[in-house]
């Protein structure tokens, strides 16, 4: 297992940008597929983006495609989520999560049960 800690959340106006970071500790971070999920007040946790262990395969929810970019730096044990053109509907707690194992193709591995380790989340609030 890996331990995950998110940072970078905050308050931003609509149209603005934020970059979230997820620092991982523990063994073998580089072998895990990684993802970001979010949970808005009163809603279910939903998939946002995922990236495979090598960083050459990504997947995005339709709602963020073209606005958000997931990336990773295995040398720094860190995953990022660059969020541009933020909208009030993007307001949520954002969670970093590690897939249960190495995935070459993360497409479709979006369910909560596909992820085995979670961070505690970071709040993103987008004002209109």
N, C-alpha and C. Protein backbone atom coordinates (compact mmCIF):
# COMPACT_ATOMS: atom_id res chain seq x y z
N UNK A 1 0.84 -1.20 0.00
CA UNK A 1 0.00 0.00 0.00
C UNK A 1 0.87 1.24 0.00
N UNK A 2 0.26 2.30 -0.50
CA UNK A 2 0.93 3.59 -0.45
C UNK A 2 0.08 4.53 0.41
N UNK A 3 0.76 5.49 1.00
CA UNK A 3 0.07 6.53 1.77
C UNK A 3 0.05 7.79 0.91
N UNK A 4 -1.09 8.45 0.90
CA UNK A 4 -1.29 9.57 -0.03
C UNK A 4 -1.72 10.82 0.72
N UNK A 5 -1.21 11.97 0.28
CA UNK A 5 -1.59 13.23 0.89
C UNK A 5 -1.76 14.28 -0.20
N UNK A 6 -2.97 14.84 -0.27
CA UNK A 6 -3.27 15.85 -1.26
C UNK A 6 -2.96 17.25 -0.74
N UNK A 7 -2.70 18.15 -1.66
CA UNK A 7 -2.53 19.56 -1.34
C UNK A 7 -2.89 20.39 -2.56
N UNK A 8 -3.08 21.69 -2.34
CA UNK A 8 -3.32 22.59 -3.46
C UNK A 8 -4.75 23.06 -3.61
N UNK A 9 -5.65 22.54 -2.78
CA UNK A 9 -7.02 23.01 -2.86
C UNK A 9 -7.16 24.44 -2.35
N UNK A 10 -8.33 25.02 -2.59
CA UNK A 10 -8.58 26.37 -2.13
C UNK A 10 -9.78 26.96 -2.80
N UNK A 11 -9.90 28.28 -2.65
CA UNK A 11 -11.02 29.03 -3.22
C UNK A 11 -10.54 29.75 -4.48
N UNK A 12 -11.30 29.62 -5.55
CA UNK A 12 -10.94 30.24 -6.81
C UNK A 12 -12.21 30.73 -7.50
N UNK A 13 -12.10 31.78 -8.27
CA UNK A 13 -13.25 32.27 -9.02
C UNK A 13 -13.47 31.44 -10.27
N UNK A 14 -14.70 31.43 -10.73
CA UNK A 14 -15.02 30.73 -11.97
C UNK A 14 -14.12 31.21 -13.10
N UNK A 15 -13.63 30.27 -13.87
CA UNK A 15 -12.70 30.57 -14.94
C UNK A 15 -11.24 30.48 -14.53
N UNK A 16 -11.00 30.34 -13.24
CA UNK A 16 -9.64 30.28 -12.75
C UNK A 16 -9.06 28.88 -12.81
N UNK A 17 -7.85 28.76 -12.26
CA UNK A 17 -7.11 27.50 -12.31
C UNK A 17 -6.55 27.16 -10.93
N UNK A 18 -6.37 25.88 -10.73
CA UNK A 18 -5.69 25.36 -9.55
C UNK A 18 -4.90 24.12 -9.97
N UNK A 19 -3.82 23.85 -9.25
CA UNK A 19 -3.12 22.59 -9.45
C UNK A 19 -3.08 21.83 -8.13
N UNK A 20 -3.63 20.65 -8.18
CA UNK A 20 -3.59 19.77 -7.01
C UNK A 20 -2.37 18.86 -7.11
N UNK A 21 -1.81 18.57 -5.96
CA UNK A 21 -0.69 17.63 -5.88
C UNK A 21 -1.05 16.51 -4.93
N UNK A 22 -0.50 15.36 -5.18
CA UNK A 22 -0.69 14.20 -4.31
C UNK A 22 0.67 13.56 -4.08
N UNK A 23 1.16 13.69 -2.87
CA UNK A 23 2.44 13.11 -2.51
C UNK A 23 2.24 11.72 -1.95
N UNK A 24 3.00 10.78 -2.44
CA UNK A 24 2.88 9.39 -2.02
C UNK A 24 4.10 8.94 -1.24
N UNK A 25 3.87 8.11 -0.27
CA UNK A 25 4.96 7.49 0.47
C UNK A 25 4.67 6.01 0.57
N UNK A 26 5.72 5.26 0.84
CA UNK A 26 5.55 3.82 0.87
C UNK A 26 6.25 3.20 -0.33
N UNK A 27 6.14 1.92 -0.40
CA UNK A 27 6.89 1.20 -1.41
C UNK A 27 6.23 1.24 -2.78
N UNK A 28 7.07 1.26 -3.78
CA UNK A 28 6.64 0.95 -5.14
C UNK A 28 5.55 1.87 -5.68
N UNK A 29 5.62 3.15 -5.36
CA UNK A 29 4.64 4.09 -5.90
C UNK A 29 4.58 3.99 -7.41
N UNK A 30 5.72 3.86 -8.04
CA UNK A 30 5.78 3.95 -9.50
C UNK A 30 5.05 2.82 -10.21
N UNK A 31 4.67 1.77 -9.50
CA UNK A 31 4.00 0.67 -10.19
C UNK A 31 2.48 0.84 -10.20
N UNK A 32 1.98 1.79 -9.45
CA UNK A 32 0.53 1.92 -9.33
C UNK A 32 -0.05 2.87 -10.35
N UNK A 33 -1.20 2.49 -10.90
CA UNK A 33 -2.02 3.48 -11.57
C UNK A 33 -2.58 4.41 -10.50
N UNK A 34 -2.81 5.66 -10.87
CA UNK A 34 -3.27 6.66 -9.91
C UNK A 34 -4.48 7.39 -10.46
N UNK A 35 -5.29 7.91 -9.56
CA UNK A 35 -6.47 8.62 -10.01
C UNK A 35 -6.87 9.74 -9.08
N UNK A 36 -7.73 10.58 -9.59
CA UNK A 36 -8.38 11.62 -8.80
C UNK A 36 -9.89 11.40 -8.89
N UNK A 37 -10.54 11.47 -7.74
CA UNK A 37 -11.99 11.41 -7.67
C UNK A 37 -12.44 12.59 -6.83
N UNK A 38 -13.71 12.94 -6.94
CA UNK A 38 -14.20 14.07 -6.17
C UNK A 38 -15.59 13.78 -5.63
N UNK A 39 -15.91 14.51 -4.56
CA UNK A 39 -17.22 14.34 -3.95
C UNK A 39 -17.76 15.71 -3.58
N UNK A 40 -18.85 16.07 -4.24
CA UNK A 40 -19.53 17.33 -3.94
C UNK A 40 -20.52 17.11 -2.81
N UNK A 41 -20.89 18.17 -2.09
CA UNK A 41 -21.84 18.02 -0.99
C UNK A 41 -23.13 17.36 -1.44
N UNK A 42 -23.51 16.31 -0.72
CA UNK A 42 -24.76 15.63 -1.01
C UNK A 42 -24.73 14.72 -2.22
N UNK A 43 -23.55 14.51 -2.78
CA UNK A 43 -23.45 13.67 -3.98
C UNK A 43 -22.49 12.51 -3.74
N UNK A 44 -22.58 11.55 -4.65
CA UNK A 44 -21.69 10.41 -4.59
C UNK A 44 -20.29 10.82 -5.06
N UNK A 45 -19.29 10.08 -4.59
CA UNK A 45 -17.94 10.31 -5.07
C UNK A 45 -17.87 9.87 -6.53
N UNK A 46 -17.25 10.71 -7.35
CA UNK A 46 -17.22 10.42 -8.78
C UNK A 46 -15.80 10.49 -9.33
N UNK A 47 -15.58 9.72 -10.36
CA UNK A 47 -14.30 9.68 -11.03
C UNK A 47 -14.02 10.99 -11.75
N UNK A 48 -12.75 11.41 -11.71
CA UNK A 48 -12.33 12.61 -12.43
C UNK A 48 -11.29 12.26 -13.50
N UNK A 49 -10.21 11.62 -13.08
CA UNK A 49 -9.12 11.33 -14.02
C UNK A 49 -8.25 10.21 -13.46
N UNK A 50 -7.56 9.53 -14.37
CA UNK A 50 -6.63 8.48 -13.96
C UNK A 50 -5.44 8.45 -14.91
N UNK A 51 -4.35 7.89 -14.41
CA UNK A 51 -3.12 7.79 -15.20
C UNK A 51 -2.45 6.47 -14.89
N UNK A 52 -1.87 5.83 -15.90
CA UNK A 52 -1.23 4.54 -15.65
C UNK A 52 0.14 4.74 -15.01
N UNK A 53 0.78 3.61 -14.71
CA UNK A 53 2.03 3.70 -13.94
C UNK A 53 3.14 4.38 -14.71
N UNK A 54 3.10 4.28 -16.05
CA UNK A 54 4.18 4.91 -16.82
C UNK A 54 3.86 6.36 -17.19
N UNK A 55 2.60 6.74 -17.03
CA UNK A 55 2.23 8.11 -17.39
C UNK A 55 1.89 8.31 -18.85
N UNK A 56 1.76 7.22 -19.61
CA UNK A 56 1.49 7.35 -21.04
C UNK A 56 0.09 6.92 -21.42
N UNK A 57 -0.75 6.70 -20.45
CA UNK A 57 -2.14 6.36 -20.69
C UNK A 57 -2.99 7.07 -19.64
N UNK A 58 -3.97 7.85 -20.10
CA UNK A 58 -4.80 8.62 -19.19
C UNK A 58 -6.27 8.44 -19.55
N UNK A 59 -7.12 8.78 -18.61
CA UNK A 59 -8.56 8.68 -18.79
C UNK A 59 -9.19 9.83 -18.03
N UNK A 60 -10.22 10.43 -18.61
CA UNK A 60 -10.90 11.56 -17.99
C UNK A 60 -12.41 11.37 -18.02
N UNK A 61 -13.07 11.88 -17.00
CA UNK A 61 -14.52 12.00 -17.06
C UNK A 61 -14.89 13.03 -18.12
N UNK A 62 -16.02 12.82 -18.75
CA UNK A 62 -16.45 13.74 -19.80
C UNK A 62 -16.58 15.17 -19.28
N UNK A 63 -16.97 15.30 -18.03
CA UNK A 63 -17.22 16.63 -17.46
C UNK A 63 -15.96 17.47 -17.32
N UNK A 64 -14.79 16.84 -17.34
CA UNK A 64 -13.54 17.59 -17.15
C UNK A 64 -12.62 17.51 -18.35
N UNK A 65 -12.99 16.71 -19.32
CA UNK A 65 -12.12 16.52 -20.49
C UNK A 65 -11.90 17.86 -21.19
N UNK A 66 -10.63 18.13 -21.50
CA UNK A 66 -10.29 19.39 -22.14
C UNK A 66 -9.99 20.51 -21.17
N UNK A 67 -10.34 20.33 -19.90
CA UNK A 67 -10.08 21.37 -18.88
C UNK A 67 -9.07 20.91 -17.84
N UNK A 68 -9.08 19.64 -17.51
CA UNK A 68 -8.20 19.09 -16.49
C UNK A 68 -7.12 18.23 -17.14
N UNK A 69 -5.95 18.21 -16.52
CA UNK A 69 -4.86 17.37 -16.99
C UNK A 69 -4.22 16.65 -15.81
N UNK A 70 -4.15 15.33 -15.90
CA UNK A 70 -3.48 14.55 -14.88
C UNK A 70 -2.08 14.21 -15.36
N UNK A 71 -1.13 14.23 -14.43
CA UNK A 71 0.24 13.88 -14.77
C UNK A 71 0.91 13.30 -13.53
N UNK A 72 2.08 12.74 -13.72
CA UNK A 72 2.79 12.18 -12.57
C UNK A 72 4.29 12.32 -12.77
N UNK A 73 4.99 12.38 -11.65
CA UNK A 73 6.44 12.41 -11.64
C UNK A 73 6.89 11.30 -10.70
N UNK A 74 7.25 10.17 -11.24
CA UNK A 74 7.60 9.03 -10.39
C UNK A 74 8.87 9.28 -9.59
N UNK A 75 9.75 10.12 -10.09
CA UNK A 75 10.96 10.44 -9.35
C UNK A 75 10.64 11.21 -8.07
N UNK A 76 9.53 11.94 -8.09
CA UNK A 76 9.11 12.72 -6.93
C UNK A 76 7.96 12.07 -6.18
N UNK A 77 7.54 10.89 -6.61
CA UNK A 77 6.41 10.21 -5.98
C UNK A 77 5.18 11.11 -5.88
N UNK A 78 4.87 11.80 -6.95
CA UNK A 78 3.81 12.79 -6.92
C UNK A 78 2.94 12.68 -8.18
N UNK A 79 1.66 12.85 -7.95
CA UNK A 79 0.68 12.94 -9.03
C UNK A 79 0.04 14.32 -8.96
N UNK A 80 -0.26 14.87 -10.13
CA UNK A 80 -0.81 16.22 -10.22
C UNK A 80 -2.15 16.20 -10.95
N UNK A 81 -2.95 17.20 -10.63
CA UNK A 81 -4.17 17.46 -11.39
C UNK A 81 -4.22 18.96 -11.66
N UNK A 82 -3.93 19.32 -12.89
CA UNK A 82 -4.04 20.71 -13.32
C UNK A 82 -5.48 20.97 -13.74
N UNK A 83 -6.11 21.94 -13.10
CA UNK A 83 -7.52 22.23 -13.36
C UNK A 83 -7.65 23.65 -13.90
N UNK A 84 -8.12 23.75 -15.11
CA UNK A 84 -8.31 25.05 -15.76
C UNK A 84 -9.79 25.29 -16.03
N UNK A 85 -10.13 26.53 -16.28
CA UNK A 85 -11.52 26.90 -16.60
C UNK A 85 -12.49 26.32 -15.57
N UNK A 86 -12.15 26.49 -14.32
CA UNK A 86 -12.98 25.93 -13.25
C UNK A 86 -14.36 26.57 -13.21
N UNK A 87 -15.33 25.75 -12.87
CA UNK A 87 -16.72 26.19 -12.79
C UNK A 87 -17.27 25.86 -11.41
N UNK A 88 -18.32 26.54 -10.99
CA UNK A 88 -18.89 26.24 -9.67
C UNK A 88 -19.24 24.77 -9.49
N UNK A 89 -19.63 24.09 -10.54
CA UNK A 89 -19.97 22.67 -10.41
C UNK A 89 -18.76 21.79 -10.16
N UNK A 90 -17.56 22.35 -10.26
CA UNK A 90 -16.35 21.61 -9.91
C UNK A 90 -16.06 21.65 -8.41
N UNK A 91 -16.85 22.40 -7.67
CA UNK A 91 -16.67 22.47 -6.22
C UNK A 91 -16.88 21.10 -5.59
N UNK A 92 -15.88 20.66 -4.85
CA UNK A 92 -15.93 19.32 -4.26
C UNK A 92 -14.68 19.11 -3.42
N UNK A 93 -14.70 18.04 -2.66
CA UNK A 93 -13.47 17.52 -2.05
C UNK A 93 -12.85 16.58 -3.07
N UNK A 94 -11.58 16.82 -3.36
CA UNK A 94 -10.86 16.02 -4.35
C UNK A 94 -9.95 15.03 -3.63
N UNK A 95 -10.08 13.78 -4.03
CA UNK A 95 -9.32 12.69 -3.41
C UNK A 95 -8.34 12.11 -4.43
N UNK A 96 -7.15 11.88 -3.95
CA UNK A 96 -6.15 11.13 -4.71
C UNK A 96 -6.28 9.67 -4.31
N UNK A 97 -6.11 8.78 -5.28
CA UNK A 97 -6.24 7.37 -4.98
C UNK A 97 -5.30 6.55 -5.84
N UNK A 98 -4.87 5.42 -5.31
CA UNK A 98 -4.01 4.51 -6.04
C UNK A 98 -4.80 3.28 -6.46
N UNK A 99 -4.64 2.90 -7.71
CA UNK A 99 -5.27 1.66 -8.15
C UNK A 99 -4.70 0.49 -7.36
N UNK A 100 -5.39 -0.60 -7.43
CA UNK A 100 -5.00 -1.77 -6.64
C UNK A 100 -3.75 -2.44 -7.16
N UNK A 101 -3.35 -2.09 -8.38
CA UNK A 101 -2.14 -2.70 -8.91
C UNK A 101 -1.67 -1.95 -10.14
N UNK A 102 -0.63 -2.47 -10.80
CA UNK A 102 -0.13 -1.82 -12.01
C UNK A 102 -1.10 -1.99 -13.16
N UNK A 103 -1.47 -0.92 -13.78
CA UNK A 103 -2.36 -0.95 -14.92
C UNK A 103 -1.68 -0.29 -16.11
N UNK A 104 -1.62 -1.02 -17.22
CA UNK A 104 -1.09 -0.41 -18.43
C UNK A 104 -2.15 0.48 -19.08
N UNK A 105 -3.42 0.04 -18.96
CA UNK A 105 -4.53 0.78 -19.54
C UNK A 105 -5.52 1.09 -18.42
N UNK A 106 -5.62 2.36 -18.06
CA UNK A 106 -6.51 2.73 -16.95
C UNK A 106 -7.93 3.01 -17.42
N UNK A 107 -8.15 2.96 -18.73
CA UNK A 107 -9.48 3.23 -19.26
C UNK A 107 -10.49 2.26 -18.67
N UNK A 108 -11.52 2.80 -18.06
CA UNK A 108 -12.54 1.94 -17.51
C UNK A 108 -12.34 1.60 -16.05
N UNK A 109 -11.15 1.79 -15.53
CA UNK A 109 -10.89 1.49 -14.11
C UNK A 109 -11.27 2.71 -13.29
N UNK A 110 -12.56 3.01 -13.23
CA UNK A 110 -13.04 4.24 -12.64
C UNK A 110 -13.81 4.05 -11.34
N UNK A 111 -14.20 2.86 -11.04
CA UNK A 111 -15.04 2.64 -9.86
C UNK A 111 -14.23 2.81 -8.58
N UNK A 112 -14.93 3.16 -7.52
CA UNK A 112 -14.24 3.30 -6.22
C UNK A 112 -13.54 2.00 -5.84
N UNK A 113 -14.13 0.89 -6.19
CA UNK A 113 -13.54 -0.41 -5.83
C UNK A 113 -12.29 -0.73 -6.64
N UNK A 114 -12.01 0.03 -7.69
CA UNK A 114 -10.77 -0.16 -8.45
C UNK A 114 -9.56 0.43 -7.72
N UNK A 115 -9.83 1.24 -6.72
CA UNK A 115 -8.76 1.93 -6.00
C UNK A 115 -8.58 1.34 -4.61
N UNK A 116 -7.32 1.16 -4.22
CA UNK A 116 -7.05 0.49 -2.96
C UNK A 116 -6.53 1.39 -1.85
N UNK A 117 -6.02 2.55 -2.21
CA UNK A 117 -5.49 3.49 -1.20
C UNK A 117 -6.02 4.88 -1.52
N UNK A 118 -6.30 5.63 -0.46
CA UNK A 118 -6.92 6.94 -0.61
C UNK A 118 -6.22 7.97 0.26
N UNK A 119 -6.19 9.21 -0.24
CA UNK A 119 -5.81 10.32 0.61
C UNK A 119 -7.02 10.83 1.37
N UNK A 120 -6.81 11.85 2.19
CA UNK A 120 -7.90 12.38 3.00
C UNK A 120 -8.69 13.47 2.28
N UNK A 121 -8.18 13.92 1.16
CA UNK A 121 -8.92 14.87 0.35
C UNK A 121 -8.49 16.31 0.57
N UNK A 122 -8.75 17.11 -0.44
CA UNK A 122 -8.50 18.55 -0.37
C UNK A 122 -9.69 19.27 -1.01
N UNK A 123 -10.14 20.33 -0.34
CA UNK A 123 -11.36 21.01 -0.76
C UNK A 123 -11.06 22.04 -1.84
N UNK A 124 -11.83 21.97 -2.91
CA UNK A 124 -11.78 22.97 -3.98
C UNK A 124 -13.14 23.67 -4.02
N UNK A 125 -13.13 24.98 -3.90
CA UNK A 125 -14.36 25.76 -3.95
C UNK A 125 -14.24 26.77 -5.07
N UNK A 126 -15.21 26.73 -5.98
CA UNK A 126 -15.21 27.64 -7.12
C UNK A 126 -16.40 28.58 -6.97
N UNK A 127 -16.11 29.85 -6.86
CA UNK A 127 -17.18 30.84 -6.71
C UNK A 127 -17.59 31.40 -8.06
N UNK A 128 -18.87 31.75 -8.15
CA UNK A 128 -19.39 32.26 -9.42
C UNK A 128 -19.27 33.76 -9.51
